[in-house]
C-alpha cells in the first residue's frame, strides 16, 4: 500500500512534444534548439526514430528559473 501523503503530492510526469514546449515557453523552435545547444534549456529525449519529447517538469523548472531571473547561463557566469 502506498503512502497517501506521498501519492497526493506527486504529480504524474508527462512527456510533451515541440508544439507544447513552444506554447508553454513562448519560444520558437529555432530559439529552443539554440538554447539547448548553449546548455541553458532542457535536452529533448528521442523516443522513436522520428519523435522527440521533453519531460514537462524540466520545462516547467526552466520557466520558473526564468521568471525568478535565474537562467542556467546566468548562474554559471556569477
PDB file of N, CA and C in Angstrom:
ATOM      1  N   UNK A   1       0.842  -1.189   0.000  1.00  0.00           N
ATOM      2  CA  UNK A   1       0.000   0.000   0.000  1.00  0.00           C
ATOM      3  C   UNK A   1       0.885   1.250   0.000  1.00  0.00           C
ATOM      4  N   UNK A   2       0.574   2.190  -0.892  1.00  0.00           N
ATOM      5  CA  UNK A   2       1.366   3.417  -0.980  1.00  0.00           C
ATOM      6  C   UNK A   2       0.929   4.420   0.072  1.00  0.00           C
ATOM      7  N   UNK A   3       1.884   5.198   0.533  1.00  0.00           N
ATOM      8  CA  UNK A   3       1.598   6.264   1.484  1.00  0.00           C
ATOM      9  C   UNK A   3       0.763   7.333   0.786  1.00  0.00           C
ATOM     10  N   UNK A   4      -0.390   7.659   1.332  1.00  0.00           N
ATOM     11  CA  UNK A   4      -1.277   8.637   0.713  1.00  0.00           C
ATOM     12  C   UNK A   4      -0.659  10.018   0.634  1.00  0.00           C
ATOM     13  N   UNK A   5       0.142  10.409   1.619  1.00  0.00           N
ATOM     14  CA  UNK A   5       0.783  11.719   1.592  1.00  0.00           C
ATOM     15  C   UNK A   5       1.755  11.831   0.427  1.00  0.00           C
ATOM     16  N   UNK A   6       2.512  10.773   0.177  1.00  0.00           N
ATOM     17  CA  UNK A   6       3.451  10.786  -0.944  1.00  0.00           C
ATOM     18  C   UNK A   6       2.709  10.836  -2.260  1.00  0.00           C
ATOM     19  N   UNK A   7       1.694  10.014  -2.407  1.00  0.00           N
ATOM     20  CA  UNK A   7       0.934   9.950  -3.644  1.00  0.00           C
ATOM     21  C   UNK A   7       0.195  11.259  -3.907  1.00  0.00           C
ATOM     22  N   UNK A   8      -0.364  11.866  -2.887  1.00  0.00           N
ATOM     23  CA  UNK A   8      -1.153  13.087  -3.055  1.00  0.00           C
ATOM     24  C   UNK A   8      -0.301  14.259  -3.527  1.00  0.00           C
ATOM     25  N   UNK A   9       0.995  14.273  -3.197  1.00  0.00           N
ATOM     26  CA  UNK A   9       1.836  15.407  -3.543  1.00  0.00           C
ATOM     27  C   UNK A   9       2.713  15.154  -4.763  1.00  0.00           C
ATOM     28  N   UNK A  10       2.584  14.000  -5.380  1.00  0.00           N
ATOM     29  CA  UNK A  10       3.399  13.672  -6.540  1.00  0.00           C
ATOM     30  C   UNK A  10       2.542  13.769  -7.794  1.00  0.00           C
ATOM     31  N   UNK A  11       2.817  14.777  -8.603  1.00  0.00           N
ATOM     32  CA  UNK A  11       2.082  14.932  -9.855  1.00  0.00           C
ATOM     33  C   UNK A  11       2.623  13.931 -10.872  1.00  0.00           C
ATOM     34  N   UNK A  12       1.748  13.393 -11.708  1.00  0.00           N
ATOM     35  CA  UNK A  12       2.237  12.469 -12.728  1.00  0.00           C
ATOM     36  C   UNK A  12       3.162  13.202 -13.698  1.00  0.00           C
ATOM     37  N   UNK A  13       4.184  12.531 -14.144  1.00  0.00           N
ATOM     38  CA  UNK A  13       5.115  13.143 -15.088  1.00  0.00           C
ATOM     39  C   UNK A  13       4.615  12.901 -16.498  1.00  0.00           C
ATOM     40  N   UNK A  14       4.698  13.959 -17.295  1.00  0.00           N
ATOM     41  CA  UNK A  14       4.249  13.879 -18.687  1.00  0.00           C
ATOM     42  C   UNK A  14       5.404  14.171 -19.608  1.00  0.00           C
ATOM     43  N   UNK A  15       5.331  13.601 -20.792  1.00  0.00           N
ATOM     44  CA  UNK A  15       6.264  13.929 -21.860  1.00  0.00           C
ATOM     45  C   UNK A  15       5.519  14.803 -22.849  1.00  0.00           C
ATOM     46  N   UNK A  16       6.160  15.910 -23.246  1.00  0.00           N
ATOM     47  CA  UNK A  16       5.498  16.835 -24.165  1.00  0.00           C
ATOM     48  C   UNK A  16       6.333  17.004 -25.427  1.00  0.00           C
ATOM     49  N   UNK A  17       5.649  17.311 -26.521  1.00  0.00           N
ATOM     50  CA  UNK A  17       6.316  17.475 -27.802  1.00  0.00           C
ATOM     51  C   UNK A  17       6.516  18.961 -28.097  1.00  0.00           C
ATOM     52  N   UNK A  18       7.231  19.231 -29.163  1.00  0.00           N
ATOM     53  CA  UNK A  18       7.643  20.594 -29.507  1.00  0.00           C
ATOM     54  C   UNK A  18       6.505  21.616 -29.491  1.00  0.00           C
ATOM     55  N   UNK A  19       5.348  21.359 -30.098  1.00  0.00           N
ATOM     56  CA  UNK A  19       4.303  22.393 -30.059  1.00  0.00           C
ATOM     57  C   UNK A  19       3.911  22.809 -28.639  1.00  0.00           C
ATOM     58  N   UNK A  20       3.890  21.856 -27.713  1.00  0.00           N
ATOM     59  CA  UNK A  20       3.553  22.173 -26.327  1.00  0.00           C
ATOM     60  C   UNK A  20       4.697  22.938 -25.659  1.00  0.00           C
ATOM     61  N   UNK A  21       5.938  22.558 -25.939  1.00  0.00           N
ATOM     62  CA  UNK A  21       7.090  23.293 -25.400  1.00  0.00           C
ATOM     63  C   UNK A  21       7.029  24.739 -25.876  1.00  0.00           C
ATOM     64  N   UNK A  22       6.745  24.935 -27.152  1.00  0.00           N
ATOM     65  CA  UNK A  22       6.637  26.288 -27.704  1.00  0.00           C
ATOM     66  C   UNK A  22       5.503  27.061 -27.032  1.00  0.00           C
ATOM     67  N   UNK A  23       4.367  26.411 -26.837  1.00  0.00           N
ATOM     68  CA  UNK A  23       3.221  27.075 -26.227  1.00  0.00           C
ATOM     69  C   UNK A  23       3.546  27.476 -24.781  1.00  0.00           C
ATOM     70  N   UNK A  24       4.171  26.581 -24.033  1.00  0.00           N
ATOM     71  CA  UNK A  24       4.479  26.871 -22.634  1.00  0.00           C
ATOM     72  C   UNK A  24       5.523  27.969 -22.464  1.00  0.00           C
ATOM     73  N   UNK A  25       6.527  27.982 -23.354  1.00  0.00           N
ATOM     74  CA  UNK A  25       7.633  28.929 -23.200  1.00  0.00           C
ATOM     75  C   UNK A  25       7.441  30.216 -23.983  1.00  0.00           C
ATOM     76  N   UNK A  26       6.636  30.179 -25.021  1.00  0.00           N
ATOM     77  CA  UNK A  26       6.500  31.339 -25.901  1.00  0.00           C
ATOM     78  C   UNK A  26       7.676  31.492 -26.848  1.00  0.00           C
ATOM     79  N   UNK A  27       8.511  30.459 -26.924  1.00  0.00           N
ATOM     80  CA  UNK A  27       9.693  30.497 -27.786  1.00  0.00           C
ATOM     81  C   UNK A  27       9.445  29.734 -29.078  1.00  0.00           C
ATOM     82  N   UNK A  28      10.187  30.108 -30.104  1.00  0.00           N
ATOM     83  CA  UNK A  28      10.122  29.400 -31.372  1.00  0.00           C
ATOM     84  C   UNK A  28      11.053  28.200 -31.379  1.00  0.00           C
ATOM     85  N   UNK A  29      10.850  27.319 -32.339  1.00  0.00           N
ATOM     86  CA  UNK A  29      11.633  26.093 -32.475  1.00  0.00           C
ATOM     87  C   UNK A  29      13.133  26.386 -32.553  1.00  0.00           C
ATOM     88  N   UNK A  30      13.528  27.330 -33.387  1.00  0.00           N
ATOM     89  CA  UNK A  30      14.948  27.645 -33.558  1.00  0.00           C
ATOM     90  C   UNK A  30      15.561  28.137 -32.253  1.00  0.00           C
ATOM     91  N   UNK A  31      14.864  29.004 -31.550  1.00  0.00           N
ATOM     92  CA  UNK A  31      15.363  29.521 -30.277  1.00  0.00           C
ATOM     93  C   UNK A  31      15.519  28.402 -29.254  1.00  0.00           C
ATOM     94  N   UNK A  32      14.559  27.503 -29.194  1.00  0.00           N
ATOM     95  CA  UNK A  32      14.637  26.382 -28.257  1.00  0.00           C
ATOM     96  C   UNK A  32      15.881  25.550 -28.541  1.00  0.00           C
ATOM     97  N   UNK A  33      16.127  25.224 -29.802  1.00  0.00           N
ATOM     98  CA  UNK A  33      17.301  24.413 -30.129  1.00  0.00           C
ATOM     99  C   UNK A  33      18.611  25.174 -29.894  1.00  0.00           C
ATOM    100  N   UNK A  34      18.609  26.483 -30.091  1.00  0.00           N
ATOM    101  CA  UNK A  34      19.803  27.274 -29.765  1.00  0.00           C
ATOM    102  C   UNK A  34      20.083  27.245 -28.270  1.00  0.00           C
ATOM    103  N   UNK A  35      19.031  27.353 -27.458  1.00  0.00           N
ATOM    104  CA  UNK A  35      19.195  27.293 -26.003  1.00  0.00           C
ATOM    105  C   UNK A  35      19.672  25.910 -25.559  1.00  0.00           C
ATOM    106  N   UNK A  36      19.186  24.867 -26.204  1.00  0.00           N
ATOM    107  CA  UNK A  36      19.655  23.511 -25.894  1.00  0.00           C
ATOM    108  C   UNK A  36      21.145  23.408 -26.213  1.00  0.00           C
ATOM    109  N   UNK A  37      21.539  23.886 -27.387  1.00  0.00           N
ATOM    110  CA  UNK A  37      22.955  23.848 -27.777  1.00  0.00           C
ATOM    111  C   UNK A  37      23.833  24.640 -26.813  1.00  0.00           C
ATOM    112  N   UNK A  38      23.285  25.731 -26.269  1.00  0.00           N
ATOM    113  CA  UNK A  38      24.029  26.553 -25.311  1.00  0.00           C
ATOM    114  C   UNK A  38      24.035  25.940 -23.908  1.00  0.00           C
ATOM    115  N   UNK A  39      23.250  24.884 -23.709  1.00  0.00           N
ATOM    116  CA  UNK A  39      23.192  24.239 -22.402  1.00  0.00           C
ATOM    117  C   UNK A  39      22.304  24.948 -21.399  1.00  0.00           C
ATOM    118  N   UNK A  40      21.405  25.799 -21.881  1.00  0.00           N
ATOM    119  CA  UNK A  40      20.557  26.561 -20.961  1.00  0.00           C
ATOM    120  C   UNK A  40      19.092  26.158 -21.013  1.00  0.00           C
ATOM    121  N   UNK A  41      18.766  25.114 -21.757  1.00  0.00           N
ATOM    122  CA  UNK A  41      17.390  24.625 -21.848  1.00  0.00           C
ATOM    123  C   UNK A  41      17.442  23.108 -21.771  1.00  0.00           C
ATOM    124  N   UNK A  42      16.426  22.472 -21.179  1.00  0.00           N
ATOM    125  CA  UNK A  42      16.437  21.016 -21.061  1.00  0.00           C
ATOM    126  C   UNK A  42      16.564  20.322 -22.421  1.00  0.00           C
ATOM    127  N   UNK A  43      17.357  19.264 -22.459  1.00  0.00           N
ATOM    128  CA  UNK A  43      17.534  18.474 -23.674  1.00  0.00           C
ATOM    129  C   UNK A  43      16.318  17.604 -23.943  1.00  0.00           C
ATOM    130  N   UNK A  44      16.040  17.449 -25.210  1.00  0.00           N
ATOM    131  CA  UNK A  44      14.966  16.572 -25.628  1.00  0.00           C
ATOM    132  C   UNK A  44      15.398  15.111 -25.518  1.00  0.00           C
ATOM    133  N   UNK A  45      14.421  14.204 -25.451  1.00  0.00           N
ATOM    134  CA  UNK A  45      14.673  12.766 -25.436  1.00  0.00           C
ATOM    135  C   UNK A  45      14.072  12.164 -26.695  1.00  0.00           C
ATOM    136  N   UNK A  46      14.823  11.330 -27.349  1.00  0.00           N
ATOM    137  CA  UNK A  46      14.336  10.659 -28.549  1.00  0.00           C
ATOM    138  C   UNK A  46      13.624   9.382 -28.127  1.00  0.00           C
ATOM    139  N   UNK A  47      12.326   9.276 -28.428  1.00  0.00           N
ATOM    140  CA  UNK A  47      11.561   8.101 -28.030  1.00  0.00           C
ATOM    141  C   UNK A  47      11.302   7.141 -29.190  1.00  0.00           C
ATOM    142  N   UNK A  48      11.385   7.638 -30.401  1.00  0.00           N
ATOM    143  CA  UNK A  48      11.345   6.811 -31.612  1.00  0.00           C
ATOM    144  C   UNK A  48      12.293   7.478 -32.598  1.00  0.00           C
ATOM    145  N   UNK A  49      12.560   6.844 -33.730  1.00  0.00           N
ATOM    146  CA  UNK A  49      13.455   7.489 -34.698  1.00  0.00           C
ATOM    147  C   UNK A  49      12.981   8.867 -35.175  1.00  0.00           C
ATOM    148  N   UNK A  50      11.686   9.135 -35.061  1.00  0.00           N
ATOM    149  CA  UNK A  50      11.165  10.406 -35.574  1.00  0.00           C
ATOM    150  C   UNK A  50      10.477  11.288 -34.535  1.00  0.00           C
ATOM    151  N   UNK A  51      10.469  10.864 -33.276  1.00  0.00           N
ATOM    152  CA  UNK A  51       9.747  11.616 -32.238  1.00  0.00           C
ATOM    153  C   UNK A  51      10.688  11.969 -31.092  1.00  0.00           C
ATOM    154  N   UNK A  52      10.711  13.268 -30.752  1.00  0.00           N
ATOM    155  CA  UNK A  52      11.440  13.718 -29.565  1.00  0.00           C
ATOM    156  C   UNK A  52      10.450  14.361 -28.598  1.00  0.00           C
ATOM    157  N   UNK A  53      10.757  14.245 -27.312  1.00  0.00           N
ATOM    158  CA  UNK A  53       9.891  14.776 -26.263  1.00  0.00           C
ATOM    159  C   UNK A  53      10.740  15.423 -25.180  1.00  0.00           C
ATOM    160  N   UNK A  54      10.089  16.218 -24.351  1.00  0.00           N
ATOM    161  CA  UNK A  54      10.712  16.830 -23.184  1.00  0.00           C
ATOM    162  C   UNK A  54       9.900  16.428 -21.967  1.00  0.00           C
ATOM    163  N   UNK A  55      10.555  16.133 -20.851  1.00  0.00           N
ATOM    164  CA  UNK A  55       9.802  15.952 -19.612  1.00  0.00           C
ATOM    165  C   UNK A  55       9.182  17.298 -19.215  1.00  0.00           C
ATOM    166  N   UNK A  56       7.890  17.315 -19.017  1.00  0.00           N
ATOM    167  CA  UNK A  56       7.191  18.566 -18.726  1.00  0.00           C
ATOM    168  C   UNK A  56       7.745  19.237 -17.469  1.00  0.00           C
ATOM    169  N   UNK A  57       8.116  18.455 -16.450  1.00  0.00           N
ATOM    170  CA  UNK A  57       8.614  19.049 -15.210  1.00  0.00           C
ATOM    171  C   UNK A  57       9.942  19.772 -15.435  1.00  0.00           C
ATOM    172  N   UNK A  58      10.762  19.322 -16.391  1.00  0.00           N
ATOM    173  CA  UNK A  58      12.023  20.019 -16.678  1.00  0.00           C
ATOM    174  C   UNK A  58      11.762  21.351 -17.376  1.00  0.00           C
ATOM    175  N   UNK A  59      10.797  21.378 -18.277  1.00  0.00           N
ATOM    176  CA  UNK A  59      10.438  22.635 -18.956  1.00  0.00           C
ATOM    177  C   UNK A  59       9.828  23.599 -17.938  1.00  0.00           C
ATOM    178  N   UNK A  60       8.980  23.084 -17.052  1.00  0.00           N
ATOM    179  CA  UNK A  60       8.368  23.929 -16.015  1.00  0.00           C
ATOM    180  C   UNK A  60       9.436  24.506 -15.083  1.00  0.00           C
ATOM    181  N   UNK A  61      10.445  23.713 -14.748  1.00  0.00           N
ATOM    182  CA  UNK A  61      11.526  24.208 -13.884  1.00  0.00           C
ATOM    183  C   UNK A  61      12.317  25.301 -14.597  1.00  0.00           C
ATOM    184  N   UNK A  62      12.547  25.143 -15.894  1.00  0.00           N
ATOM    185  CA  UNK A  62      13.254  26.168 -16.671  1.00  0.00           C
ATOM    186  C   UNK A  62      12.443  27.466 -16.666  1.00  0.00           C
ATOM    187  N   UNK A  63      11.138  27.353 -16.877  1.00  0.00           N
ATOM    188  CA  UNK A  63      10.268  28.532 -16.864  1.00  0.00           C
ATOM    189  C   UNK A  63      10.339  29.219 -15.500  1.00  0.00           C
ATOM    190  N   UNK A  64      10.302  28.445 -14.424  1.00  0.00           N
ATOM    191  CA  UNK A  64      10.373  29.018 -13.075  1.00  0.00           C
ATOM    192  C   UNK A  64      11.686  29.772 -12.876  1.00  0.00           C
ATOM    193  N   UNK A  65      12.801  29.210 -13.372  1.00  0.00           N
ATOM    194  CA  UNK A  65      14.099  29.894 -13.243  1.00  0.00           C
ATOM    195  C   UNK A  65      14.096  31.213 -14.019  1.00  0.00           C
ATOM    196  N   UNK A  66      13.506  31.207 -15.203  1.00  0.00           N
ATOM    197  CA  UNK A  66      13.435  32.436 -15.998  1.00  0.00           C
ATOM    198  C   UNK A  66      12.596  33.481 -15.266  1.00  0.00           C
ATOM    199  N   UNK A  67      11.464  33.064 -14.734  1.00  0.00           N
ATOM    200  CA  UNK A  67      10.602  34.007 -14.019  1.00  0.00           C
ATOM    201  C   UNK A  67      11.264  34.541 -12.757  1.00  0.00           C
ATOM    202  N   UNK A  68      12.127  33.734 -12.148  1.00  0.00           N
ATOM    203  CA  UNK A  68      12.865  34.176 -10.968  1.00  0.00           C
ATOM    204  C   UNK A  68      14.099  34.988 -11.336  1.00  0.00           C
ATOM    205  N   UNK A  69      14.360  35.105 -12.635  1.00  0.00           N
ATOM    206  CA  UNK A  69      15.515  35.873 -13.084  1.00  0.00           C
ATOM    207  C   UNK A  69      16.805  35.101 -13.061  1.00  0.00           C
ATOM    208  N   UNK A  70      16.722  33.774 -13.001  1.00  0.00           N
ATOM    209  CA  UNK A  70      17.939  32.947 -12.955  1.00  0.00           C
ATOM    210  C   UNK A  70      17.911  31.914 -14.070  1.00  0.00           C
ATOM    211  N   UNK A  71      18.625  32.181 -15.142  1.00  0.00           N
ATOM    212  CA  UNK A  71      18.778  31.149 -16.159  1.00  0.00           C
ATOM    213  C   UNK A  71      20.084  30.434 -15.876  1.00  0.00           C
ATOM    214  N   UNK A  72      20.242  29.246 -16.433  1.00  0.00           N
ATOM    215  CA  UNK A  72      21.451  28.465 -16.174  1.00  0.00           C
ATOM    216  C   UNK A  72      22.700  29.207 -16.617  1.00  0.00           C
ATOM    217  N   UNK A  73      22.633  29.917 -17.735  1.00  0.00           N
ATOM    218  CA  UNK A  73      23.780  30.674 -18.216  1.00  0.00           C
ATOM    219  C   UNK A  73      24.181  31.769 -17.250  1.00  0.00           C
ATOM    220  N   UNK A  74      23.197  32.439 -16.643  1.00  0.00           N
ATOM    221  CA  UNK A  74      23.496  33.483 -15.675  1.00  0.00           C
ATOM    222  C   UNK A  74      24.113  32.892 -14.416  1.00  0.00           C
ATOM    223  N   UNK A  75      23.681  31.697 -14.021  1.00  0.00           N
ATOM    224  CA  UNK A  75      24.219  31.064 -12.825  1.00  0.00           C
ATOM    225  C   UNK A  75      25.686  30.710 -13.030  1.00  0.00           C
ATOM    226  N   UNK A  76      26.069  30.251 -14.226  1.00  0.00           N
ATOM    227  CA  UNK A  76      27.459  29.903 -14.491  1.00  0.00           C
ATOM    228  C   UNK A  76      28.355  31.142 -14.498  1.00  0.00           C
ATOM    229  N   UNK A  77      27.801  32.255 -14.998  1.00  0.00           N
ATOM    230  CA  UNK A  77      28.609  33.474 -15.103  1.00  0.00           C
ATOM    231  C   UNK A  77      28.820  34.125 -13.737  1.00  0.00           C
ATOM    232  N   UNK A  78      27.926  33.865 -12.797  1.00  0.00           N
ATOM    233  CA  UNK A  78      28.014  34.503 -11.472  1.00  0.00           C
ATOM    234  C   UNK A  78      29.125  33.933 -10.633  1.00  0.00           C
TER     235      UNK A  78
END
